[in-house]
Amino acid sequence: MERYAAELVALSPDLLLAGSSSIAVNALRRRTATIPIVFANATDPVGQGFVSSLGHPGGNVTGFSNYDPVMVSKWLGMLTQLAPPVATVAALYNPATTPYAPLLLHAIEEAAPSLAVVVREAMVKDDAEIEIVIAGLAREDRSGLLVLPDIFNNAHRDTIIALTARYRLPAIYPFQFFVAADGLMSYGIEIAETFRRAAAYVDRILKGEKPADLPVQTPVSFKTAVNLRTAKALGFTISPTLLVAADEVIE
């Protein structure tokens, strides 16, 4: 990532677009304070120092956040709408690729008591540690997995989904593509939509506007997806209320 960022900045482009990795944004920021940078999927742009504030970025960086506090309670709530409901949840992430984890974990811990759920961290760095977490959870009564939005989890989604199937463990994911790959259920933004919105900022900046004057925008739409085939294989029933609210149901 650092090498690619250096190569791109050396080309002196009119603008740089950073995708879904905070690592990419940081790598670009370290190399230029003048070339405009638009990010399409940042979880905590203020906390990570990308911008001074959401309303007034104040530098050469702006873009679109993929996080809204409502997501956290929705993730936990969906796990409690299974039969049997989940009571213990492990939040899975790699600390090396999730610098914004404290924001998410704090929100999760605040939401958990109202849903009668106990939450703990599950930090991993490779496939072997993912299996240790999932195997351990599966030995606990009414346990489930919360897969945080993390480039590591995205890249290792086949492993995570396969292990939850092997150990018959329910899991909630942040993006629909996990469910399309046989994950149980997901709630989160539509990634393609954030890139479409980012294209508008790219256009405005290339026409003369400054990133410092374009506020960071938060998500405007979310998608719920459920895989009934996976639910049946795991031995769980999904509540009718959740199924009615789902945007996509895979049967």
Protein backbone atom coordinates (compact mmCIF):
# COMPACT_ATOMS: atom_id res chain seq x y z
CA MET A 1 0.00 0.00 0.00
CA GLU A 2 2.82 2.39 0.87
CA ARG A 3 4.60 1.62 -2.38
CA TYR A 4 1.48 2.14 -4.47
CA ALA A 5 0.72 5.42 -2.71
CA ALA A 6 4.24 6.68 -3.44
CA GLU A 7 3.91 5.72 -7.11
CA LEU A 8 0.56 7.48 -7.48
CA VAL A 9 1.64 10.70 -5.78
CA ALA A 10 4.79 10.76 -7.92
CA LEU A 11 2.55 10.99 -11.00
CA SER A 12 1.26 14.39 -9.75
CA PRO A 13 -2.39 13.62 -10.55
CA ASP A 14 -5.15 16.21 -10.27
CA LEU A 15 -6.91 14.08 -7.64
CA LEU A 16 -6.55 10.81 -5.73
CA LEU A 17 -9.45 8.46 -4.90
CA ALA A 18 -9.02 6.16 -1.90
CA GLY A 19 -11.32 3.16 -1.64
CA SER A 20 -12.41 1.29 1.45
CA SER A 21 -9.13 0.99 3.33
CA SER A 22 -8.08 3.47 6.01
CA ILE A 23 -4.56 2.26 5.37
CA ALA A 24 -4.82 3.61 1.81
CA VAL A 25 -6.00 7.03 2.98
CA ASN A 26 -3.19 7.28 5.51
CA ALA A 27 -0.59 6.19 2.97
CA LEU A 28 -1.70 8.91 0.57
CA ARG A 29 -1.96 11.61 3.27
CA ARG A 30 1.61 10.97 4.37
CA ARG A 31 2.84 11.78 0.88
CA THR A 32 0.83 14.83 -0.08
CA ALA A 33 -0.89 17.73 1.64
CA THR A 34 -1.79 19.45 -1.63
CA ILE A 35 -3.26 16.91 -4.05
CA PRO A 36 -7.00 16.50 -3.30
CA ILE A 37 -7.91 13.11 -1.82
CA VAL A 38 -11.48 11.75 -1.85
CA PHE A 39 -12.21 8.66 0.26
CA ALA A 40 -15.24 6.49 -0.49
CA ASN A 41 -15.56 4.37 2.67
CA ALA A 42 -13.99 5.71 5.86
CA THR A 43 -15.33 4.51 9.20
CA ASP A 44 -14.06 7.23 11.55
CA PRO A 45 -12.53 10.05 9.46
CA VAL A 46 -12.35 12.51 12.36
CA GLY A 47 -10.98 10.02 14.89
CA GLN A 48 -8.34 8.86 12.43
CA GLY A 49 -7.28 12.43 11.71
CA PHE A 50 -8.31 12.49 8.05
CA VAL A 51 -10.38 15.66 8.58
CA SER A 52 -10.78 18.30 11.28
CA SER A 53 -14.56 17.78 11.41
CA LEU A 54 -17.27 16.26 9.27
CA GLY A 55 -18.74 19.66 8.40
CA HIS A 56 -15.43 21.40 7.75
CA PRO A 57 -12.71 18.96 6.65
CA GLY A 58 -10.14 21.76 6.59
CA GLY A 59 -7.45 20.19 4.42
CA ASN A 60 -6.91 18.33 1.16
CA VAL A 61 -9.04 15.33 2.20
CA THR A 62 -12.81 14.74 2.17
CA GLY A 63 -15.23 12.00 1.25
CA PHE A 64 -17.85 9.60 2.54
CA SER A 65 -18.19 7.73 5.80
CA ASN A 66 -19.52 4.17 5.91
CA TYR A 67 -20.54 4.34 9.57
CA ASP A 68 -23.64 5.43 11.43
CA PRO A 69 -24.24 4.59 15.13
CA VAL A 70 -27.56 2.94 14.26
CA MET A 71 -25.64 0.13 12.58
CA VAL A 72 -24.26 -1.21 15.85
CA SER A 73 -27.59 -1.77 17.60
CA LYS A 74 -28.95 -3.24 14.37
CA TRP A 75 -26.14 -5.82 14.22
CA LEU A 76 -26.74 -6.95 17.79
CA GLY A 77 -30.50 -6.79 17.41
CA MET A 78 -30.50 -9.07 14.38
CA LEU A 79 -28.58 -11.71 16.32
CA THR A 80 -31.23 -11.61 19.05
CA GLN A 81 -33.96 -12.16 16.44
CA LEU A 82 -32.79 -15.70 15.83
CA ALA A 83 -34.33 -18.72 17.47
CA PRO A 84 -32.61 -19.56 19.71
CA PRO A 85 -31.48 -15.92 20.28
CA VAL A 86 -27.83 -15.06 20.75
CA ALA A 87 -26.76 -13.88 24.21
CA THR A 88 -22.95 -13.79 23.88
CA VAL A 89 -21.28 -12.03 20.96
CA ALA A 90 -17.64 -11.86 19.89
CA ALA A 91 -16.62 -8.89 17.71
CA LEU A 92 -14.10 -10.19 15.17
CA TYR A 93 -11.41 -7.90 13.73
CA ASN A 94 -7.71 -7.51 13.03
CA PRO A 95 -6.30 -4.56 15.05
CA ALA A 96 -3.58 -3.99 12.42
CA THR A 97 -6.18 -3.21 9.74
CA THR A 98 -8.93 -1.67 11.90
CA PRO A 99 -7.56 1.52 13.49
CA TYR A 100 -11.15 2.68 14.03
CA ALA A 101 -12.06 -0.40 16.13
CA PRO A 102 -12.28 1.58 19.42
CA LEU A 103 -15.14 3.67 18.00
CA LEU A 104 -17.09 0.58 16.97
CA LEU A 105 -16.37 -1.38 20.14
CA HIS A 106 -17.42 1.52 22.36
CA ALA A 107 -20.74 1.81 20.51
CA ILE A 108 -21.26 -1.96 20.66
CA GLU A 109 -20.62 -2.07 24.41
CA GLU A 110 -23.08 0.79 24.96
CA ALA A 111 -25.81 -0.93 22.92
CA ALA A 112 -25.35 -4.42 24.38
CA PRO A 113 -27.07 -4.05 27.81
CA SER A 114 -30.40 -2.91 26.34
CA LEU A 115 -30.44 -6.04 24.19
CA ALA A 116 -29.36 -8.36 27.04
CA VAL A 117 -26.22 -9.30 25.14
CA VAL A 118 -22.68 -9.76 26.47
CA VAL A 119 -19.99 -8.61 24.03
CA ARG A 120 -16.26 -9.24 23.95
CA GLU A 121 -13.42 -8.52 21.56
CA ALA A 122 -11.96 -11.20 19.30
CA MET A 123 -8.71 -9.93 17.81
CA VAL A 124 -7.21 -12.11 15.05
CA LYS A 125 -4.42 -11.87 12.53
CA ASP A 126 -4.65 -15.08 10.47
CA ASP A 127 -6.88 -18.03 9.57
CA ALA A 128 -5.66 -20.12 12.51
CA GLU A 129 -6.71 -17.47 15.02
CA ILE A 130 -10.08 -17.08 13.30
CA GLU A 131 -10.72 -20.79 13.84
CA ILE A 132 -9.67 -20.61 17.48
CA VAL A 133 -12.21 -17.83 18.08
CA ILE A 134 -15.06 -19.54 16.23
CA ALA A 135 -14.39 -22.97 17.72
CA GLY A 136 -14.30 -21.49 21.22
CA LEU A 137 -17.52 -19.56 20.70
CA ALA A 138 -19.29 -22.63 19.37
CA ARG A 139 -18.69 -24.37 22.71
CA GLU A 140 -20.65 -21.66 24.50
CA ASP A 141 -24.42 -21.66 24.80
CA ARG A 142 -26.30 -19.10 22.65
CA SER A 143 -23.17 -17.50 21.20
CA GLY A 144 -22.67 -15.66 17.94
CA LEU A 145 -20.14 -13.74 15.86
CA LEU A 146 -20.17 -10.07 14.88
CA VAL A 147 -17.82 -9.52 11.93
CA LEU A 148 -16.70 -5.89 11.98
CA PRO A 149 -16.18 -3.90 8.77
CA ASP A 150 -12.48 -4.56 8.26
CA ILE A 151 -10.43 -5.07 5.10
CA PHE A 152 -8.91 -8.17 6.75
CA ASN A 153 -12.35 -9.69 7.35
CA ASN A 154 -13.35 -8.87 3.77
CA ALA A 155 -10.28 -10.65 2.43
CA HIS A 156 -10.78 -13.65 4.73
CA ARG A 157 -14.54 -13.92 4.29
CA ASP A 158 -14.42 -17.41 2.73
CA THR A 159 -12.56 -18.72 5.77
CA ILE A 160 -14.93 -17.02 8.22
CA ILE A 161 -18.06 -18.26 6.46
CA ALA A 162 -16.72 -21.80 6.09
CA LEU A 163 -15.78 -22.00 9.78
CA THR A 164 -19.12 -20.65 10.99
CA ALA A 165 -20.77 -23.34 8.87
CA ARG A 166 -18.49 -26.07 10.24
CA TYR A 167 -19.10 -25.06 13.85
CA ARG A 168 -22.76 -24.11 13.26
CA LEU A 169 -22.27 -20.62 14.64
CA PRO A 170 -24.57 -17.71 13.70
CA ALA A 171 -22.87 -14.56 12.43
CA ILE A 172 -23.83 -11.05 11.36
CA TYR A 173 -21.77 -9.34 8.66
CA PRO A 174 -21.37 -5.68 7.63
CA PHE A 175 -21.86 -6.13 3.87
CA GLN A 176 -24.24 -8.01 1.59
CA PHE A 177 -21.47 -9.79 -0.31
CA PHE A 178 -20.86 -11.95 2.77
CA VAL A 179 -24.44 -13.22 2.55
CA ALA A 180 -24.12 -13.81 -1.20
CA ALA A 181 -21.17 -16.07 -0.32
CA ASP A 182 -23.39 -18.10 2.11
CA GLY A 183 -22.97 -15.97 5.23
CA LEU A 184 -26.07 -15.92 7.46
CA MET A 185 -27.12 -12.25 7.41
CA SER A 186 -25.82 -8.72 7.00
CA TYR A 187 -26.68 -5.10 7.60
CA GLY A 188 -24.75 -2.17 6.22
CA ILE A 189 -24.24 0.35 3.48
CA GLU A 190 -24.34 -0.38 -0.22
CA ILE A 191 -20.70 0.03 -1.21
CA ALA A 192 -21.45 0.80 -4.85
CA GLU A 193 -23.63 3.70 -3.75
CA THR A 194 -20.80 5.35 -1.81
CA PHE A 195 -18.58 5.20 -4.88
CA ARG A 196 -21.32 6.78 -6.98
CA ARG A 197 -21.59 9.57 -4.41
CA ALA A 198 -17.79 9.93 -4.35
CA ALA A 199 -17.84 10.42 -8.13
CA ALA A 200 -19.87 13.60 -7.62
CA TYR A 201 -17.18 14.99 -5.30
CA VAL A 202 -14.47 14.07 -7.77
CA ASP A 203 -16.37 16.00 -10.43
CA ARG A 204 -16.85 19.06 -8.21
CA ILE A 205 -13.19 19.18 -7.18
CA LEU A 206 -11.95 18.80 -10.76
CA LYS A 207 -14.20 21.74 -11.63
CA GLY A 208 -12.51 23.93 -9.03
CA GLU A 209 -14.06 23.33 -5.60
CA LYS A 210 -11.74 22.58 -2.66
CA PRO A 211 -11.91 19.45 -0.47
CA ALA A 212 -11.78 21.68 2.62
CA ASP A 213 -15.15 23.15 1.63
CA LEU A 214 -16.92 19.84 0.91
CA PRO A 215 -18.31 18.24 4.10
CA VAL A 216 -17.78 14.57 4.81
CA GLN A 217 -21.08 12.82 4.19
CA THR A 218 -22.54 9.97 6.24
CA PRO A 219 -24.50 6.98 4.87
CA VAL A 220 -27.97 7.62 3.47
CA SER A 221 -29.11 4.06 2.80
CA PHE A 222 -28.63 0.65 4.35
CA LYS A 223 -29.37 -2.88 3.20
CA THR A 224 -30.44 -5.95 5.17
CA ALA A 225 -29.75 -9.36 3.65
CA VAL A 226 -30.64 -12.81 4.98
CA ASN A 227 -29.68 -16.26 3.73
CA LEU A 228 -32.44 -18.73 4.65
CA ARG A 229 -30.50 -21.62 3.17
CA THR A 230 -27.64 -20.94 5.57
CA ALA A 231 -30.03 -20.47 8.51
CA LYS A 232 -31.51 -23.90 7.87
CA ALA A 233 -28.08 -25.50 7.61
CA LEU A 234 -27.01 -23.90 10.90
CA GLY A 235 -30.22 -24.94 12.64
CA PHE A 236 -31.56 -21.44 13.32
CA THR A 237 -34.93 -19.85 12.64
CA ILE A 238 -35.08 -16.18 11.66
CA SER A 239 -37.94 -14.14 13.06
CA PRO A 240 -40.75 -13.17 10.63
CA THR A 241 -40.23 -9.53 11.61
CA LEU A 242 -36.64 -9.61 10.41
CA LEU A 243 -37.55 -11.42 7.20
CA VAL A 244 -40.22 -8.86 6.34
CA ALA A 245 -37.75 -6.02 6.89
CA ALA A 246 -35.00 -7.63 4.79
CA ASP A 247 -34.14 -6.05 1.44
CA GLU A 248 -32.81 -9.35 0.13
CA VAL A 249 -33.69 -12.91 1.16
CA ILE A 250 -31.72 -15.79 -0.34
CA GLU A 251 -33.71 -19.01 -0.37
